[in-house]
Amino acid sequence: MTISEPKPLEEILESVADEKKLFLIGCTDCATVVQVGGEPQLLEWKKTLEENGHEVTGYLVGEPGCHVLELKRQLREHQAELDAADGVVVFSCGTGAQVAVQALPKKRVHPGTNTLFLGSVQRFGQFEQLCSACGDCIIDMTLGICPVTRCAKGLLNGPCGGTSAEGKCEVNVEVDCAWKLIYDQLLAAGAVDRLKKIMAVKNSRPHPGKRVLARGGTK
């Protein structure tokens, strides 16, 4: 799940300062669960923006907000409201905002949230980052714990030697050392010998440009 948080009101108001009439877009998936872009949040933003001198012509909670063709189809049902709007504010993830740009090429689109990380839902309103979407998953070697994400240093061959006697990380003493957790998992499974295998350094550079996942693979 993509975890996002709302941008500060001041930042949004500055972004839409020249656009008095606005249309709002949310998402039924991640943004709704994270409570940044579901219908209750869009209605609250509608009220807030109107209190600050803007008119909200309408809103749509995309099903989902990151599907270009579906969003285009759903937006056609709000054409009059879109035509009346000077700009669009998107309260979903960064991908949702960019999909809205594709769906509405003649409108200026403003992101209403900051995308933080890929996370799991631990309980209502609590999320934990477990994956960095590195594109080369190795959790079969570590029995389900990702050192790229959960180790503060991103070590692939750990531990680093800074683990406390209580099994905490030296970088953040409130967090369990990922490699201590991995060791405990391997020990319980009788697979500690896996630690002897040296894992190659990952290519951690960003991947600029367009990537498309198709039947033939990733481009």
N, C-alpha and C. Protein backbone atom coordinates (compact mmCIF):
# COMPACT_ATOMS: atom_id res chain seq x y z
N MET A 1 0.84 -1.19 0.00
CA MET A 1 0.00 0.00 0.00
C MET A 1 0.88 1.24 0.00
N THR A 2 0.47 2.25 -0.79
CA THR A 2 1.22 3.50 -0.86
C THR A 2 0.76 4.42 0.26
N ILE A 3 1.69 4.83 1.11
CA ILE A 3 1.38 5.66 2.26
C ILE A 3 1.68 7.12 1.92
N SER A 4 0.69 7.96 2.09
CA SER A 4 0.83 9.39 1.81
C SER A 4 0.33 10.19 3.00
N GLU A 5 0.70 11.47 3.03
CA GLU A 5 0.18 12.39 4.03
C GLU A 5 -0.23 13.68 3.35
N PRO A 6 -1.20 14.39 3.88
CA PRO A 6 -1.64 15.63 3.25
C PRO A 6 -0.53 16.68 3.25
N LYS A 7 -0.46 17.45 2.19
CA LYS A 7 0.44 18.60 2.19
C LYS A 7 -0.10 19.64 3.16
N PRO A 8 0.75 20.50 3.69
CA PRO A 8 0.26 21.58 4.56
C PRO A 8 -0.71 22.47 3.79
N LEU A 9 -1.72 22.96 4.48
CA LEU A 9 -2.73 23.82 3.85
C LEU A 9 -2.08 25.01 3.16
N GLU A 10 -1.10 25.61 3.81
CA GLU A 10 -0.45 26.80 3.24
C GLU A 10 0.19 26.49 1.89
N GLU A 11 0.77 25.30 1.78
CA GLU A 11 1.41 24.91 0.52
C GLU A 11 0.39 24.72 -0.59
N ILE A 12 -0.74 24.11 -0.25
CA ILE A 12 -1.78 23.92 -1.25
C ILE A 12 -2.38 25.25 -1.68
N LEU A 13 -2.64 26.12 -0.71
CA LEU A 13 -3.22 27.43 -1.03
C LEU A 13 -2.28 28.24 -1.92
N GLU A 14 -0.99 28.15 -1.66
CA GLU A 14 -0.03 28.86 -2.50
C GLU A 14 -0.03 28.30 -3.92
N SER A 15 -0.16 26.98 -4.02
CA SER A 15 -0.13 26.33 -5.33
C SER A 15 -1.34 26.71 -6.17
N VAL A 16 -2.51 26.87 -5.53
CA VAL A 16 -3.74 27.14 -6.28
C VAL A 16 -4.17 28.61 -6.17
N ALA A 17 -3.25 29.47 -5.82
CA ALA A 17 -3.58 30.87 -5.57
C ALA A 17 -4.26 31.54 -6.76
N ASP A 18 -3.88 31.17 -7.97
CA ASP A 18 -4.42 31.81 -9.18
C ASP A 18 -5.63 31.08 -9.75
N GLU A 19 -6.09 30.06 -9.05
CA GLU A 19 -7.20 29.25 -9.56
C GLU A 19 -8.31 29.21 -8.51
N LYS A 20 -9.35 29.98 -8.76
CA LYS A 20 -10.41 30.13 -7.76
C LYS A 20 -11.37 28.94 -7.74
N LYS A 21 -11.58 28.29 -8.88
CA LYS A 21 -12.51 27.18 -8.94
C LYS A 21 -11.73 25.88 -9.10
N LEU A 22 -12.01 24.92 -8.21
CA LEU A 22 -11.20 23.70 -8.14
C LEU A 22 -12.08 22.45 -8.18
N PHE A 23 -11.53 21.41 -8.78
CA PHE A 23 -12.14 20.07 -8.75
C PHE A 23 -11.20 19.17 -7.98
N LEU A 24 -11.73 18.30 -7.13
CA LEU A 24 -10.91 17.45 -6.27
C LEU A 24 -11.00 15.99 -6.70
N ILE A 25 -9.86 15.29 -6.63
CA ILE A 25 -9.81 13.86 -6.96
C ILE A 25 -9.15 13.10 -5.82
N GLY A 26 -9.78 12.01 -5.42
CA GLY A 26 -9.20 11.12 -4.42
C GLY A 26 -9.05 9.73 -5.00
N CYS A 27 -9.00 8.72 -4.13
CA CYS A 27 -8.80 7.34 -4.59
C CYS A 27 -9.45 6.39 -3.60
N THR A 28 -10.14 5.36 -4.14
CA THR A 28 -10.82 4.40 -3.28
C THR A 28 -9.88 3.42 -2.61
N ASP A 29 -8.65 3.34 -3.10
CA ASP A 29 -7.72 2.34 -2.59
C ASP A 29 -6.84 2.92 -1.48
N CYS A 30 -5.56 3.07 -1.74
CA CYS A 30 -4.61 3.46 -0.70
C CYS A 30 -5.00 4.76 0.01
N ALA A 31 -5.37 5.77 -0.78
CA ALA A 31 -5.66 7.08 -0.18
C ALA A 31 -6.86 7.03 0.76
N THR A 32 -7.81 6.14 0.47
CA THR A 32 -8.96 5.99 1.36
C THR A 32 -8.56 5.30 2.65
N VAL A 33 -7.77 4.23 2.53
CA VAL A 33 -7.33 3.49 3.73
C VAL A 33 -6.45 4.36 4.62
N VAL A 34 -5.57 5.14 3.99
CA VAL A 34 -4.64 5.99 4.74
C VAL A 34 -5.35 7.26 5.24
N GLN A 35 -6.57 7.48 4.77
CA GLN A 35 -7.39 8.62 5.18
C GLN A 35 -6.82 9.96 4.73
N VAL A 36 -6.39 10.00 3.47
CA VAL A 36 -5.95 11.27 2.90
C VAL A 36 -6.78 11.65 1.67
N GLY A 37 -7.46 10.67 1.05
CA GLY A 37 -8.17 10.96 -0.19
C GLY A 37 -9.45 10.19 -0.38
N GLY A 38 -10.07 9.78 0.72
CA GLY A 38 -11.39 9.17 0.62
C GLY A 38 -12.46 10.25 0.60
N GLU A 39 -13.71 9.87 0.48
CA GLU A 39 -14.78 10.88 0.40
C GLU A 39 -14.84 11.78 1.62
N PRO A 40 -14.69 11.27 2.86
CA PRO A 40 -14.72 12.18 4.02
C PRO A 40 -13.63 13.24 3.95
N GLN A 41 -12.43 12.84 3.49
CA GLN A 41 -11.34 13.81 3.41
C GLN A 41 -11.58 14.84 2.31
N LEU A 42 -12.13 14.39 1.18
CA LEU A 42 -12.41 15.34 0.10
C LEU A 42 -13.48 16.36 0.54
N LEU A 43 -14.47 15.91 1.27
CA LEU A 43 -15.50 16.83 1.76
C LEU A 43 -14.90 17.82 2.76
N GLU A 44 -13.96 17.35 3.56
CA GLU A 44 -13.31 18.25 4.52
C GLU A 44 -12.44 19.27 3.78
N TRP A 45 -11.73 18.80 2.74
CA TRP A 45 -10.92 19.73 1.95
C TRP A 45 -11.82 20.71 1.20
N LYS A 46 -12.95 20.26 0.73
CA LYS A 46 -13.90 21.15 0.07
C LYS A 46 -14.28 22.30 1.01
N LYS A 47 -14.61 21.96 2.24
CA LYS A 47 -14.98 22.97 3.23
C LYS A 47 -13.81 23.91 3.50
N THR A 48 -12.61 23.35 3.67
CA THR A 48 -11.45 24.16 3.99
C THR A 48 -11.09 25.11 2.85
N LEU A 49 -11.12 24.60 1.63
CA LEU A 49 -10.78 25.45 0.48
C LEU A 49 -11.82 26.55 0.29
N GLU A 50 -13.08 26.22 0.52
CA GLU A 50 -14.12 27.24 0.39
C GLU A 50 -14.00 28.29 1.48
N GLU A 51 -13.56 27.89 2.65
CA GLU A 51 -13.33 28.86 3.73
C GLU A 51 -12.16 29.78 3.41
N ASN A 52 -11.32 29.35 2.49
CA ASN A 52 -10.16 30.15 2.11
C ASN A 52 -10.33 30.80 0.73
N GLY A 53 -11.57 31.01 0.33
CA GLY A 53 -11.84 31.81 -0.84
C GLY A 53 -11.94 31.10 -2.17
N HIS A 54 -11.93 29.76 -2.16
CA HIS A 54 -12.03 29.00 -3.40
C HIS A 54 -13.42 28.39 -3.53
N GLU A 55 -13.79 28.08 -4.74
CA GLU A 55 -15.03 27.36 -5.00
C GLU A 55 -14.67 25.96 -5.49
N VAL A 56 -15.26 24.95 -4.89
CA VAL A 56 -15.04 23.57 -5.32
C VAL A 56 -16.23 23.17 -6.19
N THR A 57 -15.95 22.95 -7.47
CA THR A 57 -17.03 22.66 -8.42
C THR A 57 -17.52 21.22 -8.33
N GLY A 58 -16.71 20.34 -7.78
CA GLY A 58 -17.10 18.94 -7.64
C GLY A 58 -15.92 18.10 -7.21
N TYR A 59 -16.17 16.81 -7.03
CA TYR A 59 -15.09 15.91 -6.63
C TYR A 59 -15.38 14.50 -7.12
N LEU A 60 -14.32 13.70 -7.18
CA LEU A 60 -14.42 12.30 -7.59
C LEU A 60 -13.45 11.48 -6.78
N VAL A 61 -13.92 10.39 -6.21
CA VAL A 61 -13.03 9.41 -5.57
C VAL A 61 -12.79 8.33 -6.62
N GLY A 62 -11.64 8.38 -7.28
CA GLY A 62 -11.34 7.47 -8.37
C GLY A 62 -11.32 6.02 -7.94
N GLU A 63 -11.82 5.14 -8.81
CA GLU A 63 -11.88 3.70 -8.50
C GLU A 63 -11.06 2.89 -9.50
N PRO A 64 -9.74 2.80 -9.32
CA PRO A 64 -8.91 3.56 -8.39
C PRO A 64 -8.40 4.84 -9.06
N GLY A 65 -7.58 5.59 -8.34
CA GLY A 65 -7.07 6.85 -8.89
C GLY A 65 -5.85 6.69 -9.76
N CYS A 66 -5.31 5.48 -9.86
CA CYS A 66 -4.06 5.28 -10.61
C CYS A 66 -4.27 4.52 -11.92
N HIS A 67 -5.54 4.33 -12.32
CA HIS A 67 -5.85 3.61 -13.55
C HIS A 67 -6.28 4.65 -14.59
N VAL A 68 -5.43 4.90 -15.58
CA VAL A 68 -5.66 6.00 -16.52
C VAL A 68 -7.00 5.88 -17.23
N LEU A 69 -7.26 4.74 -17.85
CA LEU A 69 -8.48 4.59 -18.63
C LEU A 69 -9.72 4.66 -17.75
N GLU A 70 -9.66 4.04 -16.56
CA GLU A 70 -10.81 4.08 -15.66
C GLU A 70 -11.06 5.50 -15.17
N LEU A 71 -9.97 6.21 -14.85
CA LEU A 71 -10.14 7.57 -14.36
C LEU A 71 -10.73 8.47 -15.44
N LYS A 72 -10.26 8.31 -16.68
CA LYS A 72 -10.83 9.09 -17.79
C LYS A 72 -12.32 8.82 -17.92
N ARG A 73 -12.70 7.53 -17.82
CA ARG A 73 -14.11 7.18 -17.96
C ARG A 73 -14.94 7.80 -16.84
N GLN A 74 -14.44 7.71 -15.62
CA GLN A 74 -15.18 8.25 -14.49
C GLN A 74 -15.26 9.77 -14.54
N LEU A 75 -14.20 10.42 -15.02
CA LEU A 75 -14.19 11.88 -15.08
C LEU A 75 -15.19 12.41 -16.12
N ARG A 76 -15.48 11.60 -17.14
CA ARG A 76 -16.44 12.04 -18.15
C ARG A 76 -17.82 12.27 -17.53
N GLU A 77 -18.11 11.57 -16.44
CA GLU A 77 -19.38 11.75 -15.75
C GLU A 77 -19.42 13.06 -14.97
N HIS A 78 -18.28 13.72 -14.85
CA HIS A 78 -18.18 14.99 -14.12
C HIS A 78 -17.72 16.11 -15.06
N GLN A 79 -18.00 15.97 -16.34
CA GLN A 79 -17.46 16.89 -17.33
C GLN A 79 -17.86 18.34 -17.06
N ALA A 80 -19.12 18.56 -16.72
CA ALA A 80 -19.57 19.94 -16.47
C ALA A 80 -18.82 20.55 -15.28
N GLU A 81 -18.61 19.75 -14.25
CA GLU A 81 -17.89 20.25 -13.07
C GLU A 81 -16.43 20.53 -13.40
N LEU A 82 -15.84 19.68 -14.24
CA LEU A 82 -14.45 19.89 -14.66
C LEU A 82 -14.32 21.12 -15.55
N ASP A 83 -15.28 21.30 -16.45
CA ASP A 83 -15.24 22.47 -17.34
C ASP A 83 -15.32 23.76 -16.54
N ALA A 84 -16.02 23.72 -15.42
CA ALA A 84 -16.17 24.92 -14.60
C ALA A 84 -14.95 25.19 -13.73
N ALA A 85 -14.09 24.21 -13.60
CA ALA A 85 -12.93 24.34 -12.70
C ALA A 85 -11.72 24.94 -13.42
N ASP A 86 -10.97 25.75 -12.68
CA ASP A 86 -9.71 26.30 -13.20
C ASP A 86 -8.56 25.32 -13.02
N GLY A 87 -8.65 24.51 -11.99
CA GLY A 87 -7.58 23.56 -11.70
C GLY A 87 -8.10 22.37 -10.93
N VAL A 88 -7.23 21.37 -10.74
CA VAL A 88 -7.59 20.12 -10.08
C VAL A 88 -6.59 19.84 -8.98
N VAL A 89 -7.07 19.43 -7.82
CA VAL A 89 -6.19 19.04 -6.72
C VAL A 89 -6.40 17.55 -6.47
N VAL A 90 -5.31 16.80 -6.46
CA VAL A 90 -5.39 15.34 -6.33
C VAL A 90 -4.90 14.91 -4.95
N PHE A 91 -5.76 14.22 -4.22
CA PHE A 91 -5.43 13.74 -2.88
C PHE A 91 -5.25 12.22 -2.92
N SER A 92 -4.25 11.78 -3.66
CA SER A 92 -3.85 10.38 -3.66
C SER A 92 -2.32 10.36 -3.69
N CYS A 93 -1.73 9.30 -4.20
CA CYS A 93 -0.26 9.23 -4.23
C CYS A 93 0.28 10.01 -5.44
N GLY A 94 1.61 10.07 -5.54
CA GLY A 94 2.23 10.75 -6.66
C GLY A 94 1.87 10.14 -7.99
N THR A 95 1.68 8.83 -8.01
CA THR A 95 1.26 8.18 -9.25
C THR A 95 -0.14 8.64 -9.62
N GLY A 96 -1.04 8.72 -8.65
CA GLY A 96 -2.40 9.18 -8.91
C GLY A 96 -2.43 10.58 -9.47
N ALA A 97 -1.55 11.44 -8.94
CA ALA A 97 -1.49 12.81 -9.44
C ALA A 97 -1.04 12.85 -10.89
N GLN A 98 -0.05 12.01 -11.23
CA GLN A 98 0.45 11.99 -12.60
C GLN A 98 -0.55 11.34 -13.56
N VAL A 99 -1.31 10.38 -13.06
CA VAL A 99 -2.38 9.79 -13.88
C VAL A 99 -3.44 10.85 -14.17
N ALA A 100 -3.74 11.70 -13.19
CA ALA A 100 -4.70 12.78 -13.41
C ALA A 100 -4.20 13.75 -14.47
N VAL A 101 -2.89 13.99 -14.49
CA VAL A 101 -2.31 14.85 -15.53
C VAL A 101 -2.56 14.24 -16.90
N GLN A 102 -2.37 12.92 -17.01
CA GLN A 102 -2.60 12.23 -18.28
C GLN A 102 -4.08 12.26 -18.67
N ALA A 103 -4.94 12.12 -17.68
CA ALA A 103 -6.37 12.08 -17.95
C ALA A 103 -6.93 13.47 -18.25
N LEU A 104 -6.27 14.51 -17.75
CA LEU A 104 -6.77 15.88 -17.91
C LEU A 104 -5.66 16.78 -18.45
N PRO A 105 -5.23 16.56 -19.68
CA PRO A 105 -4.08 17.29 -20.21
C PRO A 105 -4.30 18.80 -20.34
N LYS A 106 -5.56 19.25 -20.34
CA LYS A 106 -5.83 20.67 -20.50
C LYS A 106 -6.04 21.39 -19.17
N LYS A 107 -5.93 20.65 -18.08
CA LYS A 107 -6.10 21.24 -16.75
C LYS A 107 -4.79 21.24 -15.99
N ARG A 108 -4.60 22.25 -15.16
CA ARG A 108 -3.45 22.24 -14.28
C ARG A 108 -3.77 21.38 -13.06
N VAL A 109 -2.90 20.41 -12.78
CA VAL A 109 -3.14 19.46 -11.70
C VAL A 109 -2.16 19.73 -10.56
N HIS A 110 -2.68 19.80 -9.35
CA HIS A 110 -1.87 20.06 -8.16
C HIS A 110 -1.90 18.85 -7.23
N PRO A 111 -0.75 18.36 -6.78
CA PRO A 111 -0.76 17.28 -5.77
C PRO A 111 -1.17 17.83 -4.42
N GLY A 112 -2.08 17.10 -3.76
CA GLY A 112 -2.52 17.52 -2.43
C GLY A 112 -1.87 16.73 -1.31
N THR A 113 -1.02 15.76 -1.68
CA THR A 113 -0.36 14.92 -0.67
C THR A 113 1.11 14.76 -0.99
N ASN A 114 1.84 14.30 -0.02
CA ASN A 114 3.23 13.87 -0.21
C ASN A 114 3.29 12.36 -0.03
N THR A 115 3.83 11.66 -1.03
CA THR A 115 3.95 10.20 -0.96
C THR A 115 5.16 9.84 -0.12
N LEU A 116 4.97 8.96 0.87
CA LEU A 116 6.03 8.67 1.84
C LEU A 116 6.73 7.34 1.58
N PHE A 117 5.96 6.24 1.51
CA PHE A 117 6.59 4.93 1.35
C PHE A 117 5.55 3.87 1.03
N LEU A 118 6.05 2.68 0.66
CA LEU A 118 5.18 1.51 0.54
C LEU A 118 5.06 0.89 1.92
N GLY A 119 3.86 0.66 2.38
CA GLY A 119 3.73 0.17 3.74
C GLY A 119 2.66 -0.89 3.92
N SER A 120 2.74 -1.53 5.06
CA SER A 120 1.70 -2.49 5.45
C SER A 120 0.79 -1.80 6.46
N VAL A 121 -0.45 -2.27 6.53
CA VAL A 121 -1.38 -1.75 7.52
C VAL A 121 -1.26 -2.62 8.76
N GLN A 122 -0.70 -2.06 9.82
CA GLN A 122 -0.53 -2.81 11.06
C GLN A 122 -1.84 -2.88 11.85
N ARG A 123 -2.49 -1.75 11.93
CA ARG A 123 -3.83 -1.63 12.52
C ARG A 123 -4.40 -0.31 12.03
N PHE A 124 -5.61 -0.01 12.40
CA PHE A 124 -6.26 1.19 11.88
C PHE A 124 -5.42 2.44 12.17
N GLY A 125 -5.01 3.12 11.11
CA GLY A 125 -4.25 4.36 11.26
C GLY A 125 -2.77 4.16 11.54
N GLN A 126 -2.27 2.93 11.50
CA GLN A 126 -0.85 2.68 11.77
C GLN A 126 -0.26 1.87 10.63
N PHE A 127 0.82 2.40 10.06
CA PHE A 127 1.42 1.80 8.87
C PHE A 127 2.92 1.62 9.09
N GLU A 128 3.47 0.57 8.50
CA GLU A 128 4.89 0.28 8.67
C GLU A 128 5.52 0.02 7.31
N GLN A 129 6.66 0.65 7.07
CA GLN A 129 7.37 0.44 5.81
C GLN A 129 8.12 -0.89 5.86
N LEU A 130 7.79 -1.78 4.95
CA LEU A 130 8.43 -3.10 4.90
C LEU A 130 9.14 -3.35 3.58
N CYS A 131 8.83 -2.57 2.56
CA CYS A 131 9.38 -2.81 1.22
C CYS A 131 9.81 -1.49 0.59
N SER A 132 10.95 -1.51 -0.12
CA SER A 132 11.44 -0.33 -0.82
C SER A 132 11.28 -0.43 -2.32
N ALA A 133 10.57 -1.46 -2.78
CA ALA A 133 10.35 -1.67 -4.22
C ALA A 133 11.67 -1.61 -4.98
N CYS A 134 12.67 -2.35 -4.50
CA CYS A 134 14.00 -2.30 -5.11
C CYS A 134 14.06 -3.08 -6.42
N GLY A 135 13.07 -3.94 -6.67
CA GLY A 135 13.04 -4.68 -7.92
C GLY A 135 13.86 -5.95 -7.93
N ASP A 136 14.39 -6.35 -6.78
CA ASP A 136 15.21 -7.57 -6.70
C ASP A 136 15.02 -8.16 -5.31
N CYS A 137 13.88 -8.82 -5.10
CA CYS A 137 13.50 -9.27 -3.76
C CYS A 137 14.37 -10.43 -3.29
N ILE A 138 14.84 -10.34 -2.04
CA ILE A 138 15.74 -11.36 -1.48
C ILE A 138 15.19 -11.96 -0.18
N ILE A 139 13.90 -11.72 0.12
CA ILE A 139 13.43 -12.16 1.43
C ILE A 139 13.30 -13.67 1.56
N ASP A 140 13.47 -14.39 0.44
CA ASP A 140 13.53 -15.84 0.58
C ASP A 140 14.79 -16.25 1.34
N MET A 141 15.87 -15.46 1.18
CA MET A 141 17.14 -15.75 1.86
C MET A 141 17.07 -15.39 3.34
N THR A 142 16.23 -14.40 3.68
CA THR A 142 16.19 -13.91 5.06
C THR A 142 14.89 -14.28 5.77
N LEU A 143 14.16 -15.20 5.18
CA LEU A 143 12.91 -15.72 5.76
C LEU A 143 11.89 -14.61 6.03
N GLY A 144 11.72 -13.74 5.04
CA GLY A 144 10.62 -12.79 5.10
C GLY A 144 10.91 -11.42 5.65
N ILE A 145 12.15 -11.13 6.00
CA ILE A 145 12.50 -9.80 6.53
C ILE A 145 13.42 -9.11 5.53
N CYS A 146 13.03 -7.92 5.09
CA CYS A 146 13.81 -7.20 4.08
C CYS A 146 14.87 -6.32 4.72
N PRO A 147 16.16 -6.67 4.58
CA PRO A 147 17.20 -5.84 5.16
C PRO A 147 17.38 -4.51 4.43
N VAL A 148 17.03 -4.47 3.15
CA VAL A 148 17.16 -3.22 2.39
C VAL A 148 16.32 -2.13 3.04
N THR A 149 15.14 -2.51 3.50
CA THR A 149 14.22 -1.53 4.08
C THR A 149 14.31 -1.46 5.59
N ARG A 150 14.40 -2.59 6.24
CA ARG A 150 14.26 -2.60 7.70
C ARG A 150 15.57 -2.43 8.45
N CYS A 151 16.70 -2.60 7.77
CA CYS A 151 17.99 -2.27 8.38
C CYS A 151 18.25 -0.79 8.14
N ALA A 152 18.56 -0.04 9.20
CA ALA A 152 18.77 1.40 9.08
C ALA A 152 19.89 1.75 8.11
N LYS A 153 20.83 0.81 7.91
CA LYS A 153 21.96 1.04 7.00
C LYS A 153 21.78 0.33 5.67
N GLY A 154 20.67 -0.40 5.54
CA GLY A 154 20.41 -1.11 4.30
C GLY A 154 21.43 -2.19 4.02
N LEU A 155 21.98 -2.80 5.06
CA LEU A 155 23.03 -3.80 4.88
C LEU A 155 22.48 -5.10 4.32
N LEU A 156 23.17 -5.64 3.34
CA LEU A 156 22.79 -6.93 2.78
C LEU A 156 23.54 -8.08 3.44
N ASN A 157 24.59 -7.75 4.15
CA ASN A 157 25.38 -8.76 4.85
C ASN A 157 25.62 -8.25 6.26
N GLY A 158 24.74 -8.60 7.16
CA GLY A 158 24.82 -8.06 8.51
C GLY A 158 24.96 -9.16 9.54
N PRO A 159 24.90 -8.80 10.82
CA PRO A 159 24.71 -7.44 11.33
C PRO A 159 25.99 -6.62 11.28
N CYS A 160 25.87 -5.33 11.62
CA CYS A 160 27.01 -4.43 11.47
C CYS A 160 27.93 -4.42 12.68
N GLY A 161 27.47 -4.95 13.81
CA GLY A 161 28.27 -4.90 15.03
C GLY A 161 27.78 -3.86 16.00
N GLY A 162 26.80 -3.06 15.58
CA GLY A 162 26.27 -2.03 16.46
C GLY A 162 25.00 -2.41 17.16
N THR A 163 24.63 -3.67 17.08
CA THR A 163 23.40 -4.13 17.73
C THR A 163 23.58 -4.13 19.24
N SER A 164 22.59 -3.61 19.96
CA SER A 164 22.69 -3.57 21.41
C SER A 164 22.41 -4.95 22.00
N ALA A 165 22.69 -5.10 23.29
CA ALA A 165 22.44 -6.37 23.97
C ALA A 165 20.95 -6.72 23.96
N GLU A 166 20.12 -5.68 23.83
CA GLU A 166 18.67 -5.91 23.79
C GLU A 166 18.17 -6.16 22.37
N GLY A 167 19.10 -6.20 21.41
CA GLY A 167 18.71 -6.45 20.03
C GLY A 167 18.18 -5.24 19.30
N LYS A 168 18.55 -4.05 19.77
CA LYS A 168 18.09 -2.82 19.15
C LYS A 168 19.15 -2.24 18.20
N CYS A 169 18.70 -1.38 17.30
CA CYS A 169 19.57 -0.77 16.30
C CYS A 169 20.33 0.40 16.91
N GLU A 170 21.61 0.55 16.57
CA GLU A 170 22.39 1.66 17.11
C GLU A 170 21.98 2.99 16.50
N VAL A 171 21.38 2.97 15.31
CA VAL A 171 20.94 4.20 14.67
C VAL A 171 19.67 4.73 15.32
N ASN A 172 18.76 3.81 15.64
CA ASN A 172 17.51 4.16 16.31
C ASN A 172 17.27 3.12 17.39
N VAL A 173 17.54 3.49 18.62
CA VAL A 173 17.51 2.52 19.72
C VAL A 173 16.11 2.02 20.04
N GLU A 174 15.08 2.61 19.44
CA GLU A 174 13.72 2.15 19.68
C GLU A 174 13.30 1.08 18.67
N VAL A 175 14.17 0.82 17.68
CA VAL A 175 13.83 -0.11 16.61
C VAL A 175 14.64 -1.38 16.75
N ASP A 176 13.99 -2.52 16.52
CA ASP A 176 14.70 -3.79 16.55
C ASP A 176 15.70 -3.86 15.41
N CYS A 177 16.88 -4.40 15.69
CA CYS A 177 17.88 -4.61 14.64
C CYS A 177 17.33 -5.64 13.65
N ALA A 178 17.25 -5.26 12.39
CA ALA A 178 16.69 -6.17 11.39
C ALA A 178 17.51 -7.44 11.28
N TRP A 179 18.81 -7.31 11.36
CA TRP A 179 19.66 -8.50 11.22
C TRP A 179 19.60 -9.41 12.44
N LYS A 180 19.33 -8.85 13.60
CA LYS A 180 19.08 -9.69 14.78
C LYS A 180 17.78 -10.48 14.57
N LEU A 181 16.76 -9.82 14.01
CA LEU A 181 15.51 -10.51 13.72
C LEU A 181 15.74 -11.61 12.68
N ILE A 182 16.54 -11.29 11.66
CA ILE A 182 16.84 -12.28 10.62
C ILE A 182 17.59 -13.47 11.22
N TYR A 183 18.57 -13.17 12.06
CA TYR A 183 19.34 -14.25 12.70
C TYR A 183 18.42 -15.15 13.52
N ASP A 184 17.53 -14.54 14.31
CA ASP A 184 16.63 -15.33 15.13
C ASP A 184 15.73 -16.22 14.27
N GLN A 185 15.27 -15.67 13.14
CA GLN A 185 14.44 -16.45 12.22
C GLN A 185 15.21 -17.63 11.66
N LEU A 186 16.42 -17.36 11.21
CA LEU A 186 17.25 -18.41 10.62
C LEU A 186 17.61 -19.47 11.66
N LEU A 187 17.91 -19.03 12.88
CA LEU A 187 18.26 -19.97 13.95
C LEU A 187 17.08 -20.90 14.24
N ALA A 188 15.89 -20.33 14.34
CA ALA A 188 14.71 -21.14 14.63
C ALA A 188 14.42 -22.14 13.52
N ALA A 189 14.79 -21.77 12.29
CA ALA A 189 14.54 -22.63 11.14
C ALA A 189 15.70 -23.57 10.85
N GLY A 190 16.75 -23.48 11.66
CA GLY A 190 17.93 -24.32 11.43
C GLY A 190 18.65 -23.96 10.14
N ALA A 191 18.64 -22.68 9.79
CA ALA A 191 19.21 -22.26 8.50
C ALA A 191 20.23 -21.13 8.68
N VAL A 192 20.93 -21.10 9.82
CA VAL A 192 21.90 -20.04 10.08
C VAL A 192 23.03 -20.03 9.04
N ASP A 193 23.29 -21.16 8.43
CA ASP A 193 24.36 -21.22 7.42
C ASP A 193 24.12 -20.27 6.26
N ARG A 194 22.89 -19.83 6.09
CA ARG A 194 22.61 -18.88 5.01
C ARG A 194 23.40 -17.58 5.19
N LEU A 195 23.74 -17.26 6.44
CA LEU A 195 24.48 -16.03 6.70
C LEU A 195 25.89 -16.08 6.12
N LYS A 196 26.36 -17.28 5.79
CA LYS A 196 27.70 -17.41 5.23
C LYS A 196 27.75 -17.01 3.75
N LYS A 197 26.58 -16.97 3.14
CA LYS A 197 26.54 -16.59 1.73
C LYS A 197 26.59 -15.06 1.61
N ILE A 198 27.57 -14.57 0.86
CA ILE A 198 27.72 -13.14 0.67
C ILE A 198 26.77 -12.67 -0.44
N MET A 199 25.90 -11.75 -0.09
CA MET A 199 24.97 -11.21 -1.08
C MET A 199 25.61 -10.02 -1.80
N ALA A 200 25.47 -10.01 -3.10
CA ALA A 200 26.08 -8.95 -3.91
C ALA A 200 25.42 -7.61 -3.63
N VAL A 201 26.21 -6.54 -3.78
CA VAL A 201 25.69 -5.19 -3.58
C VAL A 201 24.63 -4.90 -4.63
N LYS A 202 23.54 -4.27 -4.21
CA LYS A 202 22.48 -3.94 -5.13
C LYS A 202 22.78 -2.63 -5.85
N ASN A 203 22.20 -2.49 -7.03
CA ASN A 203 22.25 -1.22 -7.74
C ASN A 203 21.16 -0.35 -7.16
N SER A 204 21.55 0.56 -6.28
CA SER A 204 20.57 1.38 -5.57
C SER A 204 20.29 2.70 -6.25
N ARG A 205 20.86 2.90 -7.43
CA ARG A 205 20.61 4.13 -8.15
C ARG A 205 19.16 4.20 -8.59
N PRO A 206 18.60 5.41 -8.67
CA PRO A 206 17.23 5.53 -9.17
C PRO A 206 17.18 5.14 -10.64
N HIS A 207 15.99 4.84 -11.11
CA HIS A 207 15.81 4.42 -12.50
C HIS A 207 15.00 5.47 -13.25
N PRO A 208 15.65 6.52 -13.71
CA PRO A 208 14.90 7.55 -14.43
C PRO A 208 14.42 7.03 -15.78
N GLY A 209 13.42 7.70 -16.30
CA GLY A 209 12.90 7.29 -17.59
C GLY A 209 11.66 6.43 -17.44
N LYS A 210 11.14 6.00 -18.55
CA LYS A 210 9.89 5.26 -18.56
C LYS A 210 10.14 3.77 -18.46
N ARG A 211 9.42 3.10 -17.56
CA ARG A 211 9.48 1.65 -17.44
C ARG A 211 8.06 1.10 -17.59
N VAL A 212 7.94 0.10 -18.41
CA VAL A 212 6.62 -0.48 -18.67
C VAL A 212 6.66 -1.96 -18.39
N LEU A 213 5.76 -2.43 -17.57
CA LEU A 213 5.65 -3.87 -17.29
C LEU A 213 4.65 -4.46 -18.26
N ALA A 214 5.14 -5.32 -19.14
CA ALA A 214 4.30 -5.96 -20.14
C ALA A 214 4.54 -7.46 -20.12
N ARG A 215 3.89 -8.19 -20.99
CA ARG A 215 4.06 -9.65 -20.99
C ARG A 215 5.49 -10.05 -21.25
N GLY A 216 6.19 -9.23 -21.99
CA GLY A 216 7.58 -9.57 -22.29
C GLY A 216 8.55 -9.23 -21.21
N GLY A 217 8.06 -8.57 -20.11
CA GLY A 217 8.94 -8.21 -19.03
C GLY A 217 8.95 -6.70 -18.83
N THR A 218 9.91 -6.22 -18.06
CA THR A 218 10.02 -4.80 -17.74
C THR A 218 10.93 -4.11 -18.74
N LYS A 219 10.51 -2.97 -19.25
CA LYS A 219 11.30 -2.17 -20.17
C LYS A 219 11.80 -0.93 -19.47
